[in-house]
Amino acid sequence: MCPTDRPLRHRLVVPDLGLGPTRLVVSLWLIPEGSRVAAGDRVVELLADGVTVDLEAPVSGRLAARFADEDDPVCTGAVLAEFEVPE
């Protein structure tokens, strides 16, 4: 593998919450795009049938991109965000 100056990217994906066919909505982004995060920091809240579910950063790095806005419906497996991790 060749060295690169580009950071690695990790995705935040909507997990299967085990709630069956449930409508999920992005309720609130807790971290602005471009901000640094630590693994385990709360990043976004999803609303599922009146229940709020927090999703955490999978890695330490920078929240490089968000792919859904607040109030957008999302489904299991959807990519919500990407994080850049310097090598």
N, C-alpha and C. Protein backbone atom coordinates (compact mmCIF):
# COMPACT_ATOMS: atom_id res chain seq x y z
N MET A 1 0.84 -1.17 0.00
CA MET A 1 0.00 0.00 0.00
C MET A 1 0.89 1.24 0.00
N CYS A 2 0.59 2.18 -0.85
CA CYS A 2 1.38 3.40 -0.97
C CYS A 2 0.95 4.41 0.08
N PRO A 3 1.90 5.15 0.65
CA PRO A 3 1.52 6.21 1.59
C PRO A 3 0.73 7.28 0.87
N THR A 4 -0.14 7.93 1.59
CA THR A 4 -0.98 8.97 1.02
C THR A 4 -1.16 10.09 2.03
N ASP A 5 -1.39 11.27 1.53
CA ASP A 5 -1.67 12.40 2.41
C ASP A 5 -3.15 12.51 2.71
N ARG A 6 -3.96 11.72 2.03
CA ARG A 6 -5.40 11.78 2.25
C ARG A 6 -5.77 11.02 3.52
N PRO A 7 -6.65 11.61 4.32
CA PRO A 7 -7.06 10.90 5.54
C PRO A 7 -7.98 9.72 5.21
N LEU A 8 -8.01 8.76 6.10
CA LEU A 8 -8.94 7.65 5.98
C LEU A 8 -10.35 8.16 6.27
N ARG A 9 -11.34 7.54 5.66
CA ARG A 9 -12.74 7.92 5.90
C ARG A 9 -13.50 6.74 6.50
N HIS A 10 -14.31 7.05 7.49
CA HIS A 10 -15.17 6.06 8.14
C HIS A 10 -16.60 6.56 8.07
N ARG A 11 -17.53 5.66 7.85
CA ARG A 11 -18.93 6.03 7.70
C ARG A 11 -19.72 5.77 8.99
N LEU A 12 -20.71 6.63 9.21
CA LEU A 12 -21.70 6.42 10.26
C LEU A 12 -22.97 5.97 9.54
N VAL A 13 -23.41 4.75 9.84
CA VAL A 13 -24.54 4.12 9.15
C VAL A 13 -25.67 3.92 10.15
N VAL A 14 -26.91 4.09 9.68
CA VAL A 14 -28.08 3.85 10.52
C VAL A 14 -28.11 2.36 10.85
N PRO A 15 -28.02 2.00 12.14
CA PRO A 15 -28.01 0.58 12.51
C PRO A 15 -29.42 0.00 12.50
N ASP A 16 -29.48 -1.33 12.47
CA ASP A 16 -30.76 -2.02 12.65
C ASP A 16 -31.09 -1.96 14.13
N LEU A 17 -32.13 -1.23 14.48
CA LEU A 17 -32.50 -1.04 15.88
C LEU A 17 -33.37 -2.16 16.42
N GLY A 18 -33.69 -3.13 15.58
CA GLY A 18 -34.50 -4.26 16.03
C GLY A 18 -35.94 -3.88 16.32
N LEU A 19 -36.41 -2.80 15.72
CA LEU A 19 -37.78 -2.33 15.96
C LEU A 19 -38.73 -2.71 14.83
N GLY A 20 -38.26 -3.55 13.90
CA GLY A 20 -39.09 -3.90 12.75
C GLY A 20 -39.15 -2.73 11.79
N PRO A 21 -40.15 -2.75 10.89
CA PRO A 21 -40.26 -1.65 9.93
C PRO A 21 -40.70 -0.36 10.64
N THR A 22 -39.74 0.46 10.93
CA THR A 22 -39.98 1.68 11.69
C THR A 22 -39.54 2.88 10.88
N ARG A 23 -40.30 3.94 10.94
CA ARG A 23 -39.91 5.20 10.29
C ARG A 23 -38.90 5.89 11.19
N LEU A 24 -37.73 6.15 10.66
CA LEU A 24 -36.68 6.86 11.38
C LEU A 24 -36.52 8.25 10.79
N VAL A 25 -36.30 9.22 11.65
CA VAL A 25 -36.13 10.61 11.22
C VAL A 25 -34.91 11.17 11.94
N VAL A 26 -34.08 11.92 11.20
CA VAL A 26 -32.97 12.64 11.83
C VAL A 26 -33.58 13.76 12.65
N SER A 27 -33.45 13.65 13.95
CA SER A 27 -34.07 14.61 14.86
C SER A 27 -33.16 15.81 15.11
N LEU A 28 -31.86 15.55 15.41
CA LEU A 28 -30.96 16.64 15.77
C LEU A 28 -29.52 16.23 15.55
N TRP A 29 -28.78 17.06 14.81
CA TRP A 29 -27.33 16.90 14.71
C TRP A 29 -26.71 17.58 15.91
N LEU A 30 -25.88 16.88 16.65
CA LEU A 30 -25.26 17.41 17.86
C LEU A 30 -23.87 17.98 17.60
N ILE A 31 -23.29 17.62 16.47
CA ILE A 31 -21.93 18.06 16.11
C ILE A 31 -21.99 18.74 14.75
N PRO A 32 -21.49 19.96 14.64
CA PRO A 32 -21.47 20.63 13.33
C PRO A 32 -20.47 19.96 12.37
N GLU A 33 -20.80 19.99 11.10
CA GLU A 33 -19.89 19.49 10.08
C GLU A 33 -18.56 20.23 10.17
N GLY A 34 -17.48 19.50 10.07
CA GLY A 34 -16.14 20.08 10.16
C GLY A 34 -15.54 20.03 11.55
N SER A 35 -16.34 19.67 12.55
CA SER A 35 -15.86 19.64 13.93
C SER A 35 -15.09 18.36 14.23
N ARG A 36 -14.19 18.45 15.20
CA ARG A 36 -13.45 17.29 15.69
C ARG A 36 -14.32 16.54 16.69
N VAL A 37 -14.20 15.22 16.66
CA VAL A 37 -14.94 14.36 17.59
C VAL A 37 -14.01 13.29 18.13
N ALA A 38 -14.38 12.75 19.26
CA ALA A 38 -13.71 11.58 19.83
C ALA A 38 -14.63 10.38 19.64
N ALA A 39 -14.04 9.22 19.47
CA ALA A 39 -14.84 8.00 19.36
C ALA A 39 -15.77 7.92 20.57
N GLY A 40 -17.04 7.67 20.32
CA GLY A 40 -18.02 7.57 21.39
C GLY A 40 -18.78 8.85 21.66
N ASP A 41 -18.35 9.99 21.08
CA ASP A 41 -19.12 11.24 21.23
C ASP A 41 -20.46 11.08 20.55
N ARG A 42 -21.50 11.60 21.17
CA ARG A 42 -22.82 11.62 20.55
C ARG A 42 -22.78 12.57 19.36
N VAL A 43 -23.25 12.10 18.20
CA VAL A 43 -23.18 12.88 16.97
C VAL A 43 -24.55 13.31 16.49
N VAL A 44 -25.51 12.40 16.52
CA VAL A 44 -26.83 12.67 15.94
C VAL A 44 -27.90 11.92 16.73
N GLU A 45 -29.08 12.53 16.80
CA GLU A 45 -30.24 11.87 17.40
C GLU A 45 -31.21 11.47 16.29
N LEU A 46 -31.68 10.23 16.37
CA LEU A 46 -32.72 9.75 15.47
C LEU A 46 -33.99 9.56 16.27
N LEU A 47 -35.11 9.81 15.65
CA LEU A 47 -36.40 9.59 16.29
C LEU A 47 -37.07 8.40 15.61
N ALA A 48 -37.44 7.40 16.42
CA ALA A 48 -38.05 6.18 15.90
C ALA A 48 -39.31 5.89 16.71
N ASP A 49 -40.47 6.13 16.12
CA ASP A 49 -41.74 5.87 16.79
C ASP A 49 -41.80 6.50 18.18
N GLY A 50 -41.37 7.75 18.28
CA GLY A 50 -41.43 8.47 19.54
C GLY A 50 -40.27 8.22 20.49
N VAL A 51 -39.34 7.36 20.10
CA VAL A 51 -38.17 7.05 20.92
C VAL A 51 -36.95 7.71 20.30
N THR A 52 -36.16 8.41 21.12
CA THR A 52 -34.94 9.04 20.64
C THR A 52 -33.76 8.09 20.79
N VAL A 53 -33.00 7.94 19.72
CA VAL A 53 -31.84 7.06 19.71
C VAL A 53 -30.62 7.91 19.35
N ASP A 54 -29.58 7.87 20.20
CA ASP A 54 -28.34 8.59 19.94
C ASP A 54 -27.38 7.69 19.17
N LEU A 55 -26.74 8.24 18.15
CA LEU A 55 -25.67 7.53 17.46
C LEU A 55 -24.36 8.22 17.80
N GLU A 56 -23.32 7.41 18.01
CA GLU A 56 -22.03 7.92 18.44
C GLU A 56 -21.02 7.86 17.30
N ALA A 57 -19.99 8.70 17.42
CA ALA A 57 -18.89 8.68 16.45
C ALA A 57 -18.18 7.33 16.54
N PRO A 58 -17.97 6.66 15.40
CA PRO A 58 -17.31 5.36 15.43
C PRO A 58 -15.79 5.47 15.61
N VAL A 59 -15.24 6.66 15.34
CA VAL A 59 -13.79 6.88 15.42
C VAL A 59 -13.53 8.30 15.90
N SER A 60 -12.31 8.55 16.31
CA SER A 60 -11.88 9.92 16.61
C SER A 60 -11.39 10.55 15.32
N GLY A 61 -11.76 11.79 15.09
CA GLY A 61 -11.35 12.47 13.87
C GLY A 61 -12.18 13.72 13.65
N ARG A 62 -12.52 13.97 12.38
CA ARG A 62 -13.29 15.16 12.02
C ARG A 62 -14.54 14.73 11.27
N LEU A 63 -15.68 15.32 11.64
CA LEU A 63 -16.92 15.06 10.93
C LEU A 63 -16.83 15.78 9.59
N ALA A 64 -16.51 15.02 8.54
CA ALA A 64 -16.20 15.60 7.23
C ALA A 64 -17.44 15.92 6.42
N ALA A 65 -18.49 15.08 6.54
CA ALA A 65 -19.68 15.29 5.72
C ALA A 65 -20.89 14.68 6.40
N ARG A 66 -22.02 15.38 6.25
CA ARG A 66 -23.31 14.86 6.70
C ARG A 66 -24.17 14.66 5.46
N PHE A 67 -24.87 13.53 5.39
CA PHE A 67 -25.64 13.19 4.20
C PHE A 67 -27.14 13.24 4.42
N ALA A 68 -27.57 13.69 5.56
CA ALA A 68 -28.99 13.86 5.84
C ALA A 68 -29.16 15.12 6.68
N ASP A 69 -30.25 15.81 6.47
CA ASP A 69 -30.56 17.01 7.25
C ASP A 69 -31.54 16.66 8.36
N GLU A 70 -31.68 17.56 9.32
CA GLU A 70 -32.68 17.37 10.37
C GLU A 70 -34.06 17.29 9.72
N ASP A 71 -34.89 16.41 10.25
CA ASP A 71 -36.24 16.12 9.78
C ASP A 71 -36.28 15.23 8.53
N ASP A 72 -35.13 14.80 8.01
CA ASP A 72 -35.11 13.87 6.89
C ASP A 72 -35.43 12.46 7.36
N PRO A 73 -36.27 11.73 6.62
CA PRO A 73 -36.47 10.32 6.92
C PRO A 73 -35.24 9.53 6.46
N VAL A 74 -34.87 8.51 7.23
CA VAL A 74 -33.73 7.65 6.87
C VAL A 74 -34.12 6.20 7.15
N CYS A 75 -33.40 5.29 6.54
CA CYS A 75 -33.70 3.87 6.75
C CYS A 75 -32.45 3.14 7.20
N THR A 76 -32.63 1.95 7.73
CA THR A 76 -31.53 1.11 8.17
C THR A 76 -30.54 0.94 7.02
N GLY A 77 -29.27 1.13 7.33
CA GLY A 77 -28.22 0.96 6.34
C GLY A 77 -27.84 2.25 5.62
N ALA A 78 -28.62 3.32 5.80
CA ALA A 78 -28.30 4.59 5.14
C ALA A 78 -27.04 5.19 5.76
N VAL A 79 -26.20 5.78 4.92
CA VAL A 79 -25.01 6.46 5.40
C VAL A 79 -25.42 7.86 5.82
N LEU A 80 -25.20 8.16 7.11
CA LEU A 80 -25.55 9.48 7.66
C LEU A 80 -24.41 10.47 7.58
N ALA A 81 -23.17 9.98 7.75
CA ALA A 81 -22.04 10.89 7.81
C ALA A 81 -20.74 10.15 7.51
N GLU A 82 -19.71 10.93 7.21
CA GLU A 82 -18.36 10.38 7.05
C GLU A 82 -17.43 11.16 7.97
N PHE A 83 -16.47 10.42 8.54
CA PHE A 83 -15.46 10.99 9.41
C PHE A 83 -14.10 10.81 8.77
N GLU A 84 -13.25 11.83 8.84
CA GLU A 84 -11.87 11.74 8.38
C GLU A 84 -10.98 11.45 9.58
N VAL A 85 -10.09 10.50 9.39
CA VAL A 85 -9.14 10.13 10.44
C VAL A 85 -7.75 10.25 9.83
N PRO A 86 -6.90 11.13 10.39
CA PRO A 86 -5.55 11.25 9.85
C PRO A 86 -4.77 9.96 10.07
N GLU A 87 -3.93 9.63 9.11
CA GLU A 87 -3.12 8.40 9.24
C GLU A 87 -1.98 8.62 10.18
